Amino acid sequence: MKTAQQQEADQRKRFLIVQGQLFRLGILEAQQSLTANLHRDVLLKSAVAHVVNSSADMARNAFTLDGLSSGIFNGRLALLLPVLAKAVGFLSRRHLLMPAGIAVAVGAAGYASWRSIAAKKRRKEASEQIQAGGMPPIDQSTPLP
């Protein structure tokens, strides 16, 4: 019969063996992930995603409520203007300025109509609920126009 110390030692050995196997699996997984992420197409996609996300973040920060009033003084607009200048230059060299302008105008019109329809729907739902004798719910997820 094994003593309690021998049983503890055996249990500890099994635990260490399993822990070592998990560690080796983690290393193999990291190597496979690194090999997969070093392909040319994956690097290009991640670079493009990084550029798009950083420019979208700069635009979002520049056009916040306080960014419009104090954007020039805080340097937010100064960060955004080089990106806009490069985009306009690219579009004008490729003769895509007119189609891009049309796309922006159509997008802005679509967004404005969507906001208008959503506001009308909220007002209608609120008036129906008031007529039913209850208070309309406060929806803080979308601001009223």
C-alpha atoms as a PDB file:
ATOM      1  CA  MET A   1       0.000   0.000   0.000  1.00  0.00           C
ATOM      2  CA  LYS A   2       1.059   3.476  -0.747  1.00  0.00           C
ATOM      3  CA  THR A   3       1.336   5.931   2.023  1.00  0.00           C
ATOM      4  CA  ALA A   4      -0.420   9.286   1.985  1.00  0.00           C
ATOM      5  CA  GLN A   5       2.834  11.038   0.999  1.00  0.00           C
ATOM      6  CA  GLN A   6       3.334   8.705  -1.961  1.00  0.00           C
ATOM      7  CA  GLN A   7      -0.258   9.231  -3.087  1.00  0.00           C
ATOM      8  CA  GLU A   8       0.199  13.019  -2.857  1.00  0.00           C
ATOM      9  CA  ALA A   9       3.443  12.748  -4.818  1.00  0.00           C
ATOM     10  CA  ASP A  10       1.759  10.658  -7.529  1.00  0.00           C
ATOM     11  CA  GLN A  11      -1.128  13.082  -7.727  1.00  0.00           C
ATOM     12  CA  ARG A  12       1.302  16.003  -7.978  1.00  0.00           C
ATOM     13  CA  LYS A  13       3.230  14.215 -10.752  1.00  0.00           C
ATOM     14  CA  ARG A  14       0.024  13.648 -12.751  1.00  0.00           C
ATOM     15  CA  PHE A  15      -0.920  17.293 -12.280  1.00  0.00           C
ATOM     16  CA  LEU A  16       2.505  18.483 -13.475  1.00  0.00           C
ATOM     17  CA  ILE A  17       2.374  16.166 -16.503  1.00  0.00           C
ATOM     18  CA  VAL A  18      -1.039  17.492 -17.520  1.00  0.00           C
ATOM     19  CA  GLN A  19       0.116  21.067 -16.926  1.00  0.00           C
ATOM     20  CA  GLY A  20       3.167  20.465 -19.157  1.00  0.00           C
ATOM     21  CA  GLN A  21       0.988  19.015 -21.905  1.00  0.00           C
ATOM     22  CA  LEU A  22      -1.297  22.046 -21.793  1.00  0.00           C
ATOM     23  CA  PHE A  23       1.738  24.337 -21.935  1.00  0.00           C
ATOM     24  CA  ARG A  24       3.068  22.513 -25.013  1.00  0.00           C
ATOM     25  CA  LEU A  25      -0.361  22.735 -26.666  1.00  0.00           C
ATOM     26  CA  GLY A  26      -0.377  26.475 -25.999  1.00  0.00           C
ATOM     27  CA  ILE A  27       3.025  26.833 -27.637  1.00  0.00           C
ATOM     28  CA  LEU A  28       1.901  24.835 -30.691  1.00  0.00           C
ATOM     29  CA  GLU A  29      -1.255  26.923 -30.982  1.00  0.00           C
ATOM     30  CA  ALA A  30       0.778  30.134 -30.807  1.00  0.00           C
ATOM     31  CA  GLN A  31       3.162  28.880 -33.511  1.00  0.00           C
ATOM     32  CA  GLN A  32       0.270  27.959 -35.806  1.00  0.00           C
ATOM     33  CA  SER A  33      -1.417  31.310 -35.203  1.00  0.00           C
ATOM     34  CA  LEU A  34       1.816  33.165 -35.934  1.00  0.00           C
ATOM     35  CA  THR A  35       2.385  31.179 -39.120  1.00  0.00           C
ATOM     36  CA  ALA A  36      -1.172  31.858 -40.288  1.00  0.00           C
ATOM     37  CA  ASN A  37      -0.980  35.578 -39.484  1.00  0.00           C
ATOM     38  CA  LEU A  38       2.290  36.135 -41.346  1.00  0.00           C
ATOM     39  CA  HIS A  39       0.802  35.459 -44.771  1.00  0.00           C
ATOM     40  CA  ARG A  40       0.768  38.353 -47.200  1.00  0.00           C
ATOM     41  CA  ASP A  41      -3.011  38.598 -47.531  1.00  0.00           C
ATOM     42  CA  VAL A  42      -3.600  38.531 -43.777  1.00  0.00           C
ATOM     43  CA  LEU A  43      -1.009  41.262 -43.219  1.00  0.00           C
ATOM     44  CA  LEU A  44      -2.589  43.404 -45.944  1.00  0.00           C
ATOM     45  CA  LYS A  45      -6.091  42.935 -44.533  1.00  0.00           C
ATOM     46  CA  SER A  46      -4.968  43.841 -41.025  1.00  0.00           C
ATOM     47  CA  ALA A  47      -3.104  46.918 -42.304  1.00  0.00           C
ATOM     48  CA  VAL A  48      -6.155  48.108 -44.243  1.00  0.00           C
ATOM     49  CA  ALA A  49      -8.401  47.438 -41.249  1.00  0.00           C
ATOM     50  CA  HIS A  50      -6.029  49.408 -39.012  1.00  0.00           C
ATOM     51  CA  VAL A  51      -6.030  52.392 -41.392  1.00  0.00           C
ATOM     52  CA  VAL A  52      -9.821  52.327 -41.733  1.00  0.00           C
ATOM     53  CA  ASN A  53     -10.385  52.010 -37.978  1.00  0.00           C
ATOM     54  CA  SER A  54      -7.920  54.753 -37.086  1.00  0.00           C
ATOM     55  CA  SER A  55      -9.351  57.172 -39.663  1.00  0.00           C
ATOM     56  CA  ALA A  56     -12.906  56.377 -38.539  1.00  0.00           C
ATOM     57  CA  ASP A  57     -11.852  56.965 -34.938  1.00  0.00           C
ATOM     58  CA  MET A  58     -10.267  60.290 -35.877  1.00  0.00           C
ATOM     59  CA  ALA A  59     -13.431  61.320 -37.720  1.00  0.00           C
ATOM     60  CA  ARG A  60     -15.619  60.245 -34.802  1.00  0.00           C
ATOM     61  CA  ASN A  61     -13.491  62.228 -32.365  1.00  0.00           C
ATOM     62  CA  ALA A  62     -13.436  65.285 -34.591  1.00  0.00           C
ATOM     63  CA  PHE A  63     -17.191  65.409 -35.030  1.00  0.00           C
ATOM     64  CA  THR A  64     -18.346  64.885 -31.468  1.00  0.00           C
ATOM     65  CA  LEU A  65     -20.447  67.622 -29.928  1.00  0.00           C
ATOM     66  CA  ASP A  66     -17.485  69.229 -28.210  1.00  0.00           C
ATOM     67  CA  GLY A  67     -15.261  68.470 -31.221  1.00  0.00           C
ATOM     68  CA  LEU A  68     -17.316  70.716 -33.505  1.00  0.00           C
ATOM     69  CA  SER A  69     -17.117  73.705 -31.207  1.00  0.00           C
ATOM     70  CA  SER A  70     -13.567  73.289 -29.964  1.00  0.00           C
ATOM     71  CA  GLY A  71     -12.088  70.907 -32.518  1.00  0.00           C
ATOM     72  CA  ILE A  72      -9.707  73.448 -34.018  1.00  0.00           C
ATOM     73  CA  PHE A  73      -8.335  74.409 -30.638  1.00  0.00           C
ATOM     74  CA  ASN A  74      -7.911  70.856 -29.425  1.00  0.00           C
ATOM     75  CA  GLY A  75      -6.154  69.802 -32.627  1.00  0.00           C
ATOM     76  CA  ARG A  76      -8.800  67.254 -33.569  1.00  0.00           C
ATOM     77  CA  LEU A  77      -9.645  68.961 -36.825  1.00  0.00           C
ATOM     78  CA  ALA A  78      -5.951  69.398 -37.540  1.00  0.00           C
ATOM     79  CA  LEU A  79      -5.555  65.622 -37.288  1.00  0.00           C
ATOM     80  CA  LEU A  80      -8.449  64.979 -39.647  1.00  0.00           C
ATOM     81  CA  LEU A  81      -7.593  67.450 -42.412  1.00  0.00           C
ATOM     82  CA  PRO A  82      -4.524  65.576 -43.788  1.00  0.00           C
ATOM     83  CA  VAL A  83      -6.584  62.405 -44.084  1.00  0.00           C
ATOM     84  CA  LEU A  84      -9.356  64.300 -45.888  1.00  0.00           C
ATOM     85  CA  ALA A  85      -6.825  65.993 -48.187  1.00  0.00           C
ATOM     86  CA  LYS A  86      -5.281  62.646 -49.139  1.00  0.00           C
ATOM     87  CA  ALA A  87      -8.703  61.113 -49.763  1.00  0.00           C
ATOM     88  CA  VAL A  88      -9.787  64.041 -51.960  1.00  0.00           C
ATOM     89  CA  GLY A  89      -6.469  63.924 -53.825  1.00  0.00           C
ATOM     90  CA  PHE A  90      -6.835  60.201 -54.459  1.00  0.00           C
ATOM     91  CA  LEU A  91     -10.392  60.601 -55.670  1.00  0.00           C
ATOM     92  CA  SER A  92      -9.546  63.532 -57.931  1.00  0.00           C
ATOM     93  CA  ARG A  93      -6.596  61.702 -59.521  1.00  0.00           C
ATOM     94  CA  ARG A  94      -8.804  58.732 -60.305  1.00  0.00           C
ATOM     95  CA  HIS A  95     -11.648  60.958 -61.561  1.00  0.00           C
ATOM     96  CA  LEU A  96     -13.871  59.574 -58.832  1.00  0.00           C
ATOM     97  CA  LEU A  97     -14.688  62.855 -57.131  1.00  0.00           C
ATOM     98  CA  MET A  98     -18.128  63.225 -58.771  1.00  0.00           C
ATOM     99  CA  PRO A  99     -19.272  59.628 -58.081  1.00  0.00           C
ATOM    100  CA  ALA A 100     -18.000  59.887 -54.501  1.00  0.00           C
ATOM    101  CA  GLY A 101     -19.861  63.183 -54.032  1.00  0.00           C
ATOM    102  CA  ILE A 102     -23.028  61.623 -55.384  1.00  0.00           C
ATOM    103  CA  ALA A 103     -22.599  58.616 -53.087  1.00  0.00           C
ATOM    104  CA  VAL A 104     -22.118  60.901 -50.077  1.00  0.00           C
ATOM    105  CA  ALA A 105     -25.192  62.958 -51.034  1.00  0.00           C
ATOM    106  CA  VAL A 106     -27.330  59.831 -51.489  1.00  0.00           C
ATOM    107  CA  GLY A 107     -26.058  58.444 -48.188  1.00  0.00           C
ATOM    108  CA  ALA A 108     -26.796  61.700 -46.369  1.00  0.00           C
ATOM    109  CA  ALA A 109     -30.293  61.835 -47.875  1.00  0.00           C
ATOM    110  CA  GLY A 110     -30.929  58.237 -46.871  1.00  0.00           C
ATOM    111  CA  TYR A 111     -29.715  58.878 -43.333  1.00  0.00           C
ATOM    112  CA  ALA A 112     -31.864  62.014 -43.033  1.00  0.00           C
ATOM    113  CA  SER A 113     -34.961  60.174 -44.253  1.00  0.00           C
ATOM    114  CA  TRP A 114     -34.265  57.266 -41.898  1.00  0.00           C
ATOM    115  CA  ARG A 115     -33.944  59.689 -38.961  1.00  0.00           C
ATOM    116  CA  SER A 116     -37.172  61.414 -39.982  1.00  0.00           C
ATOM    117  CA  ILE A 117     -39.090  58.150 -40.245  1.00  0.00           C
ATOM    118  CA  ALA A 118     -37.706  56.936 -36.904  1.00  0.00           C
ATOM    119  CA  ALA A 119     -38.653  60.213 -35.198  1.00  0.00           C
ATOM    120  CA  LYS A 120     -42.186  60.066 -36.600  1.00  0.00           C
ATOM    121  CA  LYS A 121     -42.520  56.475 -35.418  1.00  0.00           C
ATOM    122  CA  ARG A 122     -41.331  57.392 -31.903  1.00  0.00           C
ATOM    123  CA  ARG A 123     -43.739  60.341 -31.727  1.00  0.00           C
ATOM    124  CA  LYS A 124     -46.627  58.164 -32.916  1.00  0.00           C
ATOM    125  CA  GLU A 125     -45.855  55.444 -30.367  1.00  0.00           C
ATOM    126  CA  ALA A 126     -45.554  58.031 -27.587  1.00  0.00           C
ATOM    127  CA  SER A 127     -48.869  59.698 -28.485  1.00  0.00           C
ATOM    128  CA  GLU A 128     -50.616  56.307 -28.633  1.00  0.00           C
ATOM    129  CA  GLN A 129     -49.277  55.399 -25.225  1.00  0.00           C
ATOM    130  CA  ILE A 130     -50.306  58.763 -23.760  1.00  0.00           C
ATOM    131  CA  GLN A 131     -53.817  58.307 -25.185  1.00  0.00           C
ATOM    132  CA  ALA A 132     -53.927  54.862 -23.600  1.00  0.00           C
ATOM    133  CA  GLY A 133     -53.309  56.500 -20.240  1.00  0.00           C
ATOM    134  CA  GLY A 134     -49.674  55.645 -19.629  1.00  0.00           C
ATOM    135  CA  MET A 135     -46.421  57.495 -19.772  1.00  0.00           C
ATOM    136  CA  PRO A 136     -44.232  56.845 -22.813  1.00  0.00           C
ATOM    137  CA  PRO A 137     -41.002  55.008 -22.069  1.00  0.00           C
ATOM    138  CA  ILE A 138     -37.844  57.073 -22.048  1.00  0.00           C
ATOM    139  CA  ASP A 139     -35.619  55.820 -24.831  1.00  0.00           C
ATOM    140  CA  GLN A 140     -32.079  56.992 -24.169  1.00  0.00           C
ATOM    141  CA  SER A 141     -30.458  54.843 -26.828  1.00  0.00           C
ATOM    142  CA  THR A 142     -31.349  57.184 -29.703  1.00  0.00           C
ATOM    143  CA  PRO A 143     -31.539  60.949 -29.215  1.00  0.00           C
ATOM    144  CA  LEU A 144     -34.564  62.814 -30.478  1.00  0.00           C
ATOM    145  CA  PRO A 145     -33.926  65.052 -33.503  1.00  0.00           C
END
